[in-house]
Amino acid sequence: MKWLHVYTEEPSAKIIFDTLLPKILPTDVFFSVYSHQGKQDLEKALRKTLPSISKIPGSRILITRDQDSGDCKDVKKKLDDIILGNCSCPYKIRIVCTELESWFLGDLAAIENAYPRFRAGVYSTKADLRNVDSIVTPNNYLLKAIPEYSGKETLPKLETAENISKFMSLEFNKSTSFNFTISAIYQLIA
């Protein structure tokens, strides 16, 4: 029996993984998603809980964290340094470029299914969406693009994750970091 343990930086990522993992994992692979309240909370959990969880037979661990304004390699190395010597099972670290909301922008059809007033066709030809992982503040981009959020000052991240994730495609997302994360899951459970 295999058990995939996913460590996330934020509650909205937990919503996404709770929605997507049942579509990805075979029935004999179980999973748990542990959400944290930011980078420091995630790093603390990697030091405190990861060592014991990694000793559970059949465990596999996936750690995800937003890149934000950091360098991907530096962010990954920092996490790897925390885990090194403290993990007794296979693990993968995936850095979400630049924020989790890039994954939504990589699947315009999912946004349109969740928010019918959004028009995927209008955005599909926009140059800035050719590489969604390079958008500096994808949450602000979504806030402006989704008509249902007109007048809001901040993106309701949990609501957005819940609404969009159920429509996300595993095969047709334009976010490279999303695709690398899905690939890492398949590698861990192989």
N, C-alpha and C. Protein backbone atom coordinates (compact mmCIF):
# COMPACT_ATOMS: atom_id res chain seq x y z
N MET A 1 0.84 -1.18 0.00
CA MET A 1 0.00 0.00 0.00
C MET A 1 0.89 1.25 0.00
N LYS A 2 0.51 2.23 -0.80
CA LYS A 2 1.23 3.50 -0.84
C LYS A 2 0.34 4.61 -0.27
N TRP A 3 1.00 5.58 0.33
CA TRP A 3 0.30 6.70 0.91
C TRP A 3 1.04 7.97 0.51
N LEU A 4 0.36 8.84 -0.26
CA LEU A 4 0.95 10.11 -0.68
C LEU A 4 0.59 11.19 0.33
N HIS A 5 1.62 11.80 0.89
CA HIS A 5 1.46 12.90 1.85
C HIS A 5 1.86 14.18 1.12
N VAL A 6 0.93 15.13 1.03
CA VAL A 6 1.19 16.37 0.31
C VAL A 6 1.23 17.52 1.32
N TYR A 7 2.37 18.21 1.34
CA TYR A 7 2.54 19.39 2.19
C TYR A 7 2.35 20.63 1.31
N THR A 8 1.42 21.51 1.70
CA THR A 8 1.17 22.73 0.93
C THR A 8 1.41 23.95 1.81
N GLU A 9 1.67 25.04 1.14
CA GLU A 9 1.92 26.30 1.84
C GLU A 9 0.64 26.98 2.30
N GLU A 10 -0.48 26.67 1.64
CA GLU A 10 -1.70 27.43 1.91
C GLU A 10 -2.94 26.55 1.77
N PRO A 11 -4.04 26.93 2.44
CA PRO A 11 -5.28 26.16 2.39
C PRO A 11 -5.88 26.02 0.98
N SER A 12 -5.70 27.02 0.11
CA SER A 12 -6.28 26.91 -1.23
C SER A 12 -5.61 25.78 -2.02
N ALA A 13 -4.34 25.52 -1.77
CA ALA A 13 -3.66 24.41 -2.44
C ALA A 13 -4.23 23.07 -1.96
N LYS A 14 -4.59 23.00 -0.69
CA LYS A 14 -5.21 21.77 -0.17
C LYS A 14 -6.50 21.47 -0.92
N ILE A 15 -7.29 22.51 -1.17
CA ILE A 15 -8.55 22.33 -1.90
C ILE A 15 -8.27 21.74 -3.28
N ILE A 16 -7.26 22.27 -3.95
CA ILE A 16 -6.93 21.78 -5.29
C ILE A 16 -6.50 20.31 -5.25
N PHE A 17 -5.59 19.98 -4.33
CA PHE A 17 -5.12 18.60 -4.26
C PHE A 17 -6.22 17.64 -3.81
N ASP A 18 -7.07 18.07 -2.88
CA ASP A 18 -8.19 17.22 -2.46
C ASP A 18 -9.14 16.94 -3.63
N THR A 19 -9.21 17.87 -4.57
CA THR A 19 -10.08 17.70 -5.74
C THR A 19 -9.40 16.87 -6.83
N LEU A 20 -8.12 17.14 -7.10
CA LEU A 20 -7.43 16.49 -8.22
C LEU A 20 -6.89 15.09 -7.91
N LEU A 21 -6.42 14.86 -6.69
CA LEU A 21 -5.78 13.57 -6.40
C LEU A 21 -6.69 12.36 -6.62
N PRO A 22 -7.98 12.43 -6.28
CA PRO A 22 -8.83 11.26 -6.58
C PRO A 22 -8.91 10.95 -8.08
N LYS A 23 -8.67 11.95 -8.94
CA LYS A 23 -8.68 11.73 -10.39
C LYS A 23 -7.36 11.11 -10.87
N ILE A 24 -6.30 11.29 -10.09
CA ILE A 24 -4.96 10.87 -10.49
C ILE A 24 -4.59 9.51 -9.90
N LEU A 25 -4.87 9.33 -8.63
CA LEU A 25 -4.35 8.18 -7.91
C LEU A 25 -5.18 6.91 -8.13
N PRO A 26 -4.49 5.80 -8.28
CA PRO A 26 -5.21 4.52 -8.32
C PRO A 26 -5.90 4.29 -6.97
N THR A 27 -6.87 3.41 -6.94
CA THR A 27 -7.66 3.20 -5.72
C THR A 27 -6.83 2.62 -4.58
N ASP A 28 -5.68 2.01 -4.88
CA ASP A 28 -4.87 1.44 -3.81
C ASP A 28 -3.81 2.42 -3.28
N VAL A 29 -3.87 3.67 -3.71
CA VAL A 29 -2.98 4.71 -3.18
C VAL A 29 -3.83 5.71 -2.41
N PHE A 30 -3.51 5.86 -1.14
CA PHE A 30 -4.24 6.78 -0.28
C PHE A 30 -3.48 8.10 -0.21
N PHE A 31 -4.15 9.14 0.24
CA PHE A 31 -3.47 10.42 0.35
C PHE A 31 -3.97 11.24 1.53
N SER A 32 -3.08 12.13 1.99
CA SER A 32 -3.41 13.14 2.99
C SER A 32 -2.78 14.44 2.52
N VAL A 33 -3.50 15.53 2.69
CA VAL A 33 -2.98 16.85 2.31
C VAL A 33 -2.92 17.69 3.59
N TYR A 34 -1.75 18.24 3.84
CA TYR A 34 -1.52 19.05 5.04
C TYR A 34 -1.31 20.50 4.60
N SER A 35 -2.26 21.36 4.91
CA SER A 35 -2.11 22.77 4.53
C SER A 35 -1.50 23.54 5.68
N HIS A 36 -0.79 24.59 5.32
CA HIS A 36 -0.10 25.41 6.30
C HIS A 36 -0.44 26.87 6.09
N GLN A 37 -0.09 27.67 7.04
CA GLN A 37 -0.40 29.10 6.99
C GLN A 37 0.83 29.90 6.59
N GLY A 38 1.34 29.61 5.40
CA GLY A 38 2.48 30.35 4.89
C GLY A 38 3.78 29.55 4.91
N LYS A 39 4.81 30.20 4.41
CA LYS A 39 6.12 29.55 4.23
C LYS A 39 6.75 29.09 5.54
N GLN A 40 6.73 29.96 6.55
CA GLN A 40 7.37 29.60 7.82
C GLN A 40 6.66 28.42 8.48
N ASP A 41 5.34 28.41 8.42
CA ASP A 41 4.58 27.31 8.99
C ASP A 41 4.89 26.00 8.25
N LEU A 42 4.99 26.07 6.93
CA LEU A 42 5.35 24.90 6.13
C LEU A 42 6.74 24.39 6.53
N GLU A 43 7.71 25.29 6.61
CA GLU A 43 9.08 24.89 6.97
C GLU A 43 9.13 24.27 8.37
N LYS A 44 8.37 24.82 9.29
CA LYS A 44 8.30 24.28 10.65
C LYS A 44 7.76 22.84 10.61
N ALA A 45 6.71 22.62 9.81
CA ALA A 45 6.12 21.28 9.70
C ALA A 45 7.10 20.30 9.07
N LEU A 46 7.89 20.77 8.10
CA LEU A 46 8.88 19.88 7.48
C LEU A 46 9.91 19.42 8.51
N ARG A 47 10.22 20.27 9.46
CA ARG A 47 11.18 19.90 10.50
C ARG A 47 10.55 19.00 11.57
N LYS A 48 9.28 19.27 11.90
CA LYS A 48 8.66 18.58 13.03
C LYS A 48 7.88 17.32 12.67
N THR A 49 7.04 17.39 11.63
CA THR A 49 6.16 16.24 11.36
C THR A 49 6.64 15.35 10.23
N LEU A 50 7.36 15.91 9.27
CA LEU A 50 7.80 15.11 8.12
C LEU A 50 8.65 13.91 8.53
N PRO A 51 9.59 14.05 9.47
CA PRO A 51 10.41 12.88 9.81
C PRO A 51 9.59 11.67 10.26
N SER A 52 8.58 11.87 11.09
CA SER A 52 7.79 10.73 11.56
C SER A 52 6.84 10.22 10.48
N ILE A 53 6.23 11.12 9.71
CA ILE A 53 5.34 10.69 8.63
C ILE A 53 6.10 9.90 7.57
N SER A 54 7.33 10.30 7.31
CA SER A 54 8.12 9.61 6.28
C SER A 54 8.49 8.19 6.67
N LYS A 55 8.34 7.85 7.94
CA LYS A 55 8.66 6.48 8.41
C LYS A 55 7.48 5.53 8.29
N ILE A 56 6.31 6.06 7.97
CA ILE A 56 5.14 5.20 7.80
C ILE A 56 5.36 4.36 6.54
N PRO A 57 5.24 3.03 6.64
CA PRO A 57 5.48 2.18 5.46
C PRO A 57 4.62 2.61 4.26
N GLY A 58 5.25 2.66 3.09
CA GLY A 58 4.56 3.01 1.85
C GLY A 58 4.42 4.50 1.60
N SER A 59 4.99 5.33 2.50
CA SER A 59 4.84 6.78 2.36
C SER A 59 5.62 7.33 1.17
N ARG A 60 5.03 8.35 0.58
CA ARG A 60 5.66 9.18 -0.46
C ARG A 60 5.28 10.60 -0.09
N ILE A 61 6.18 11.55 -0.31
CA ILE A 61 5.90 12.92 0.11
C ILE A 61 6.09 13.89 -1.05
N LEU A 62 5.11 14.79 -1.20
CA LEU A 62 5.19 15.89 -2.16
C LEU A 62 5.08 17.19 -1.38
N ILE A 63 6.05 18.08 -1.61
CA ILE A 63 6.04 19.40 -0.96
C ILE A 63 5.84 20.44 -2.05
N THR A 64 4.86 21.33 -1.87
CA THR A 64 4.65 22.41 -2.83
C THR A 64 4.74 23.74 -2.09
N ARG A 65 5.31 24.71 -2.78
CA ARG A 65 5.44 26.06 -2.24
C ARG A 65 5.45 27.04 -3.38
N ASP A 66 4.83 28.21 -3.17
CA ASP A 66 4.85 29.26 -4.19
C ASP A 66 6.26 29.81 -4.35
N GLN A 67 6.59 30.17 -5.57
CA GLN A 67 7.87 30.83 -5.85
C GLN A 67 7.83 32.26 -5.32
N ASP A 68 6.70 32.93 -5.51
CA ASP A 68 6.55 34.35 -5.20
C ASP A 68 7.67 35.11 -5.89
N SER A 69 8.41 35.93 -5.17
CA SER A 69 9.47 36.72 -5.82
C SER A 69 10.84 36.06 -5.71
N GLY A 70 10.90 34.87 -5.12
CA GLY A 70 12.18 34.18 -4.95
C GLY A 70 12.65 33.49 -6.21
N ASP A 71 13.90 33.08 -6.19
CA ASP A 71 14.47 32.29 -7.28
C ASP A 71 14.08 30.83 -7.05
N CYS A 72 13.53 30.18 -8.08
CA CYS A 72 13.04 28.80 -7.95
C CYS A 72 14.09 27.86 -7.36
N LYS A 73 15.30 27.95 -7.88
CA LYS A 73 16.37 27.05 -7.43
C LYS A 73 16.71 27.30 -5.97
N ASP A 74 16.74 28.57 -5.56
CA ASP A 74 17.04 28.89 -4.16
C ASP A 74 15.94 28.39 -3.23
N VAL A 75 14.69 28.60 -3.63
CA VAL A 75 13.55 28.16 -2.82
C VAL A 75 13.58 26.64 -2.67
N LYS A 76 13.81 25.95 -3.77
CA LYS A 76 13.85 24.48 -3.72
C LYS A 76 15.02 23.98 -2.88
N LYS A 77 16.17 24.62 -3.02
CA LYS A 77 17.35 24.21 -2.24
C LYS A 77 17.11 24.40 -0.75
N LYS A 78 16.48 25.51 -0.38
CA LYS A 78 16.19 25.76 1.03
C LYS A 78 15.31 24.65 1.61
N LEU A 79 14.27 24.28 0.87
CA LEU A 79 13.39 23.20 1.33
C LEU A 79 14.14 21.88 1.37
N ASP A 80 14.93 21.63 0.36
CA ASP A 80 15.72 20.38 0.30
C ASP A 80 16.69 20.29 1.48
N ASP A 81 17.30 21.42 1.84
CA ASP A 81 18.22 21.44 2.97
C ASP A 81 17.50 21.10 4.28
N ILE A 82 16.26 21.54 4.42
CA ILE A 82 15.47 21.24 5.61
C ILE A 82 15.17 19.74 5.68
N ILE A 83 14.85 19.16 4.52
CA ILE A 83 14.42 17.76 4.46
C ILE A 83 15.59 16.79 4.51
N LEU A 84 16.70 17.17 3.92
CA LEU A 84 17.86 16.29 3.80
C LEU A 84 18.22 15.64 5.14
N GLY A 85 18.26 14.35 5.14
CA GLY A 85 18.59 13.61 6.36
C GLY A 85 17.42 13.42 7.31
N ASN A 86 16.28 14.06 7.03
CA ASN A 86 15.11 13.95 7.91
C ASN A 86 13.96 13.19 7.27
N CYS A 87 14.17 12.68 6.06
CA CYS A 87 13.08 12.00 5.34
C CYS A 87 13.50 10.57 5.03
N SER A 88 12.64 9.64 5.40
CA SER A 88 12.95 8.21 5.22
C SER A 88 12.19 7.58 4.06
N CYS A 89 11.64 8.38 3.16
CA CYS A 89 10.88 7.84 2.04
C CYS A 89 11.13 8.72 0.81
N PRO A 90 10.70 8.26 -0.37
CA PRO A 90 10.85 9.10 -1.57
C PRO A 90 10.05 10.40 -1.41
N TYR A 91 10.62 11.48 -1.91
CA TYR A 91 9.92 12.77 -1.87
C TYR A 91 10.27 13.60 -3.09
N LYS A 92 9.40 14.56 -3.38
CA LYS A 92 9.61 15.52 -4.46
C LYS A 92 9.21 16.89 -3.93
N ILE A 93 9.93 17.91 -4.40
CA ILE A 93 9.61 19.29 -4.09
C ILE A 93 9.21 19.95 -5.39
N ARG A 94 8.09 20.64 -5.39
CA ARG A 94 7.66 21.37 -6.57
C ARG A 94 7.37 22.81 -6.19
N ILE A 95 7.99 23.72 -6.93
CA ILE A 95 7.80 25.14 -6.72
C ILE A 95 6.74 25.63 -7.71
N VAL A 96 5.70 26.25 -7.18
CA VAL A 96 4.61 26.76 -7.99
C VAL A 96 5.01 28.16 -8.49
N CYS A 97 5.07 28.30 -9.81
CA CYS A 97 5.51 29.57 -10.41
C CYS A 97 4.30 30.36 -10.88
N THR A 98 4.18 31.59 -10.55
CA THR A 98 4.81 32.22 -9.40
C THR A 98 3.93 32.04 -8.17
N GLU A 99 2.65 31.85 -8.42
CA GLU A 99 1.67 31.57 -7.37
C GLU A 99 0.70 30.52 -7.89
N LEU A 100 -0.01 29.93 -6.96
CA LEU A 100 -0.96 28.87 -7.29
C LEU A 100 -1.99 29.28 -8.34
N GLU A 101 -2.37 30.54 -8.35
CA GLU A 101 -3.39 31.00 -9.28
C GLU A 101 -2.93 30.91 -10.74
N SER A 102 -1.62 30.77 -10.97
CA SER A 102 -1.11 30.54 -12.33
C SER A 102 -1.69 29.25 -12.90
N TRP A 103 -1.89 28.26 -12.02
CA TRP A 103 -2.46 26.99 -12.47
C TRP A 103 -3.87 27.21 -13.04
N PHE A 104 -4.63 28.11 -12.45
CA PHE A 104 -5.98 28.40 -12.96
C PHE A 104 -5.89 29.09 -14.31
N LEU A 105 -4.98 30.05 -14.43
CA LEU A 105 -4.82 30.76 -15.71
C LEU A 105 -4.34 29.82 -16.81
N GLY A 106 -3.74 28.72 -16.44
CA GLY A 106 -3.31 27.72 -17.42
C GLY A 106 -4.46 26.90 -17.96
N ASP A 107 -5.63 27.02 -17.37
CA ASP A 107 -6.81 26.26 -17.80
C ASP A 107 -8.01 27.21 -17.89
N LEU A 108 -8.04 27.97 -18.97
CA LEU A 108 -9.10 28.97 -19.15
C LEU A 108 -10.48 28.34 -19.22
N ALA A 109 -10.57 27.15 -19.77
CA ALA A 109 -11.88 26.47 -19.85
C ALA A 109 -12.41 26.17 -18.45
N ALA A 110 -11.53 25.82 -17.52
CA ALA A 110 -11.96 25.56 -16.15
C ALA A 110 -12.51 26.83 -15.50
N ILE A 111 -11.84 27.96 -15.77
CA ILE A 111 -12.32 29.24 -15.24
C ILE A 111 -13.71 29.53 -15.80
N GLU A 112 -13.88 29.34 -17.11
CA GLU A 112 -15.17 29.61 -17.75
C GLU A 112 -16.27 28.68 -17.21
N ASN A 113 -15.93 27.42 -16.96
CA ASN A 113 -16.92 26.51 -16.40
C ASN A 113 -17.33 26.93 -14.99
N ALA A 114 -16.37 27.44 -14.22
CA ALA A 114 -16.66 27.87 -12.85
C ALA A 114 -17.37 29.22 -12.81
N TYR A 115 -17.02 30.08 -13.76
CA TYR A 115 -17.56 31.44 -13.80
C TYR A 115 -18.09 31.71 -15.21
N PRO A 116 -19.34 31.41 -15.47
CA PRO A 116 -19.89 31.47 -16.83
C PRO A 116 -19.79 32.83 -17.53
N ARG A 117 -19.65 33.91 -16.79
CA ARG A 117 -19.52 35.23 -17.44
C ARG A 117 -18.10 35.47 -17.96
N PHE A 118 -17.15 34.67 -17.50
CA PHE A 118 -15.78 34.75 -18.01
C PHE A 118 -15.76 34.14 -19.41
N ARG A 119 -15.08 34.77 -20.34
CA ARG A 119 -15.01 34.27 -21.71
C ARG A 119 -13.59 33.81 -22.04
N ALA A 120 -13.40 32.50 -22.01
CA ALA A 120 -12.08 31.92 -22.27
C ALA A 120 -11.55 32.32 -23.64
N GLY A 121 -12.43 32.38 -24.62
CA GLY A 121 -12.01 32.73 -25.98
C GLY A 121 -11.37 34.10 -26.07
N VAL A 122 -11.85 35.04 -25.28
CA VAL A 122 -11.30 36.39 -25.28
C VAL A 122 -9.86 36.38 -24.76
N TYR A 123 -9.61 35.55 -23.76
CA TYR A 123 -8.28 35.53 -23.13
C TYR A 123 -7.30 34.57 -23.80
N SER A 124 -7.81 33.62 -24.56
CA SER A 124 -6.93 32.59 -25.14
C SER A 124 -5.89 33.15 -26.11
N THR A 125 -6.12 34.31 -26.66
CA THR A 125 -5.16 34.89 -27.61
C THR A 125 -4.28 35.97 -26.99
N LYS A 126 -4.46 36.24 -25.71
CA LYS A 126 -3.67 37.29 -25.06
C LYS A 126 -2.21 36.84 -24.90
N ALA A 127 -1.30 37.72 -25.28
CA ALA A 127 0.14 37.41 -25.25
C ALA A 127 0.63 37.10 -23.84
N ASP A 128 0.10 37.81 -22.83
CA ASP A 128 0.59 37.58 -21.47
C ASP A 128 0.17 36.24 -20.88
N LEU A 129 -0.75 35.54 -21.56
CA LEU A 129 -1.17 34.22 -21.10
C LEU A 129 -0.46 33.08 -21.85
N ARG A 130 0.47 33.42 -22.71
CA ARG A 130 1.24 32.36 -23.40
C ARG A 130 2.11 31.61 -22.40
N ASN A 131 2.63 32.33 -21.42
CA ASN A 131 3.42 31.71 -20.35
C ASN A 131 2.82 32.16 -19.03
N VAL A 132 1.83 31.43 -18.56
CA VAL A 132 1.10 31.85 -17.36
C VAL A 132 1.99 31.84 -16.12
N ASP A 133 3.04 31.03 -16.12
CA ASP A 133 3.92 30.96 -14.96
C ASP A 133 4.79 32.21 -14.81
N SER A 134 4.82 33.05 -15.82
CA SER A 134 5.63 34.28 -15.73
C SER A 134 4.81 35.49 -15.27
N ILE A 135 3.52 35.31 -15.08
CA ILE A 135 2.69 36.42 -14.60
C ILE A 135 3.04 36.66 -13.13
N VAL A 136 3.42 37.89 -12.83
CA VAL A 136 3.96 38.22 -11.50
C VAL A 136 2.90 38.09 -10.40
N THR A 137 1.70 38.57 -10.65
CA THR A 137 0.62 38.47 -9.65
C THR A 137 -0.62 37.86 -10.30
N PRO A 138 -0.63 36.54 -10.47
CA PRO A 138 -1.77 35.89 -11.12
C PRO A 138 -3.08 36.04 -10.35
N ASN A 139 -2.99 36.21 -9.02
CA ASN A 139 -4.24 36.41 -8.27
C ASN A 139 -4.90 37.74 -8.65
N ASN A 140 -4.10 38.79 -8.87
CA ASN A 140 -4.66 40.07 -9.33
C ASN A 140 -5.20 39.95 -10.75
N TYR A 141 -4.52 39.19 -11.58
CA TYR A 141 -4.97 38.97 -12.96
C TYR A 141 -6.35 38.32 -12.95
N LEU A 142 -6.50 37.28 -12.13
CA LEU A 142 -7.79 36.59 -12.03
C LEU A 142 -8.87 37.52 -11.49
N LEU A 143 -8.53 38.30 -10.49
CA LEU A 143 -9.49 39.22 -9.88
C LEU A 143 -10.06 40.17 -10.93
N LYS A 144 -9.20 40.66 -11.82
CA LYS A 144 -9.65 41.58 -12.87
C LYS A 144 -10.38 40.86 -14.01
N ALA A 145 -9.99 39.61 -14.27
CA ALA A 145 -10.53 38.88 -15.43
C ALA A 145 -11.90 38.24 -15.17
N ILE A 146 -12.18 37.88 -13.94
CA ILE A 146 -13.44 37.18 -13.64
C ILE A 146 -14.52 38.21 -13.32
N PRO A 147 -15.51 38.34 -14.22
CA PRO A 147 -16.56 39.36 -14.02
C PRO A 147 -17.31 39.22 -12.69
N GLU A 148 -17.46 38.00 -12.21
CA GLU A 148 -18.18 37.78 -10.95
C GLU A 148 -17.46 38.43 -9.76
N TYR A 149 -16.19 38.77 -9.92
CA TYR A 149 -15.44 39.40 -8.83
C TYR A 149 -15.30 40.91 -9.01
N SER A 150 -16.02 41.47 -9.96
CA SER A 150 -15.97 42.91 -10.19
C SER A 150 -16.31 43.67 -8.91
N GLY A 151 -15.45 44.62 -8.57
CA GLY A 151 -15.67 45.42 -7.37
C GLY A 151 -14.98 44.89 -6.14
N LYS A 152 -14.48 43.66 -6.18
CA LYS A 152 -13.76 43.12 -5.02
C LYS A 152 -12.33 43.64 -5.04
N GLU A 153 -11.78 43.84 -3.86
CA GLU A 153 -10.41 44.35 -3.76
C GLU A 153 -9.37 43.25 -3.72
N THR A 154 -9.75 42.08 -3.21
CA THR A 154 -8.83 40.95 -3.16
C THR A 154 -9.54 39.69 -3.65
N LEU A 155 -8.76 38.80 -4.21
CA LEU A 155 -9.30 37.54 -4.72
C LEU A 155 -9.66 36.63 -3.54
N PRO A 156 -10.89 36.12 -3.50
CA PRO A 156 -11.24 35.15 -2.46
C PRO A 156 -10.63 33.79 -2.83
N LYS A 157 -9.42 33.56 -2.33
CA LYS A 157 -8.62 32.42 -2.78
C LYS A 157 -9.27 31.06 -2.54
N LEU A 158 -9.85 30.86 -1.37
CA LEU A 158 -10.46 29.56 -1.07
C LEU A 158 -11.66 29.31 -1.98
N GLU A 159 -12.49 30.32 -2.15
CA GLU A 159 -13.66 30.21 -3.03
C GLU A 159 -13.23 29.94 -4.47
N THR A 160 -12.24 30.67 -4.92
CA THR A 160 -11.75 30.50 -6.29
C THR A 160 -11.19 29.10 -6.50
N ALA A 161 -10.40 28.63 -5.55
CA ALA A 161 -9.83 27.27 -5.65
C ALA A 161 -10.94 26.22 -5.69
N GLU A 162 -11.91 26.39 -4.83
CA GLU A 162 -13.02 25.42 -4.79
C GLU A 162 -13.81 25.42 -6.10
N ASN A 163 -14.09 26.60 -6.62
CA ASN A 163 -14.90 26.70 -7.84
C ASN A 163 -14.18 26.20 -9.08
N ILE A 164 -12.91 26.55 -9.23
CA ILE A 164 -12.18 26.22 -10.47
C ILE A 164 -11.61 24.82 -10.46
N SER A 165 -11.09 24.36 -9.32
CA SER A 165 -10.36 23.08 -9.29
C SER A 165 -11.20 21.90 -9.77
N LYS A 166 -12.48 21.92 -9.52
CA LYS A 166 -13.31 20.78 -9.93
C LYS A 166 -13.44 20.66 -11.45
N PHE A 167 -13.08 21.72 -12.18
CA PHE A 167 -13.16 21.68 -13.65
C PHE A 167 -11.78 21.56 -14.31
N MET A 168 -10.71 21.55 -13.53
CA MET A 168 -9.37 21.57 -14.11
C MET A 168 -9.04 20.27 -14.85
N SER A 169 -8.42 20.44 -15.99
CA SER A 169 -7.98 19.30 -16.80
C SER A 169 -6.57 18.90 -16.39
N LEU A 170 -6.34 17.61 -16.33
CA LEU A 170 -5.00 17.12 -16.02
C LEU A 170 -4.10 17.10 -17.25
N GLU A 171 -4.70 17.15 -18.44
CA GLU A 171 -3.93 17.02 -19.67
C GLU A 171 -3.71 18.33 -20.42
N PHE A 172 -4.55 19.33 -20.21
CA PHE A 172 -4.51 20.50 -21.08
C PHE A 172 -4.21 21.81 -20.35
N ASN A 173 -3.42 21.75 -19.30
CA ASN A 173 -3.08 22.96 -18.57
C ASN A 173 -1.81 23.55 -19.15
N LYS A 174 -1.79 24.88 -19.37
CA LYS A 174 -0.63 25.54 -19.97
C LYS A 174 0.41 25.96 -18.93
N SER A 175 0.16 25.71 -17.66
CA SER A 175 1.13 26.03 -16.62
C SER A 175 2.17 24.92 -16.52
N THR A 176 3.41 25.29 -16.77
CA THR A 176 4.50 24.32 -16.68
C THR A 176 4.63 23.79 -15.26
N SER A 177 4.50 24.65 -14.26
CA SER A 177 4.65 24.18 -12.88
C SER A 177 3.51 23.22 -12.49
N PHE A 178 2.31 23.44 -13.02
CA PHE A 178 1.22 22.49 -12.79
C PHE A 178 1.58 21.14 -13.40
N ASN A 179 2.04 21.15 -14.63
CA ASN A 179 2.37 19.90 -15.31
C ASN A 179 3.53 19.17 -14.64
N PHE A 180 4.53 19.90 -14.16
CA PHE A 180 5.64 19.28 -13.43
C PHE A 180 5.15 18.67 -12.11
N THR A 181 4.19 19.32 -11.48
CA THR A 181 3.64 18.79 -10.22
C THR A 181 2.86 17.51 -10.47
N ILE A 182 2.04 17.49 -11.50
CA ILE A 182 1.29 16.28 -11.84
C ILE A 182 2.26 15.15 -12.19
N SER A 183 3.30 15.47 -12.96
CA SER A 183 4.32 14.48 -13.31
C SER A 183 5.01 13.93 -12.06
N ALA A 184 5.31 14.80 -11.10
CA ALA A 184 5.96 14.37 -9.85
C ALA A 184 5.07 13.40 -9.09
N ILE A 185 3.76 13.64 -9.10
CA ILE A 185 2.84 12.73 -8.42
C ILE A 185 2.90 11.36 -9.07
N TYR A 186 2.85 11.32 -10.40
CA TYR A 186 2.93 10.02 -11.09
C TYR A 186 4.25 9.31 -10.79
N GLN A 187 5.35 10.06 -10.73
CA GLN A 187 6.65 9.47 -10.43
C GLN A 187 6.68 8.90 -9.01
N LEU A 188 6.10 9.62 -8.07
CA LEU A 188 6.11 9.16 -6.69
C LEU A 188 5.30 7.88 -6.48
N ILE A 189 4.23 7.73 -7.21
CA ILE A 189 3.38 6.56 -6.98
C ILE A 189 3.71 5.39 -7.90
N ALA A 190 4.65 5.60 -8.83
CA ALA A 190 5.01 4.52 -9.77
C ALA A 190 5.64 3.34 -9.04
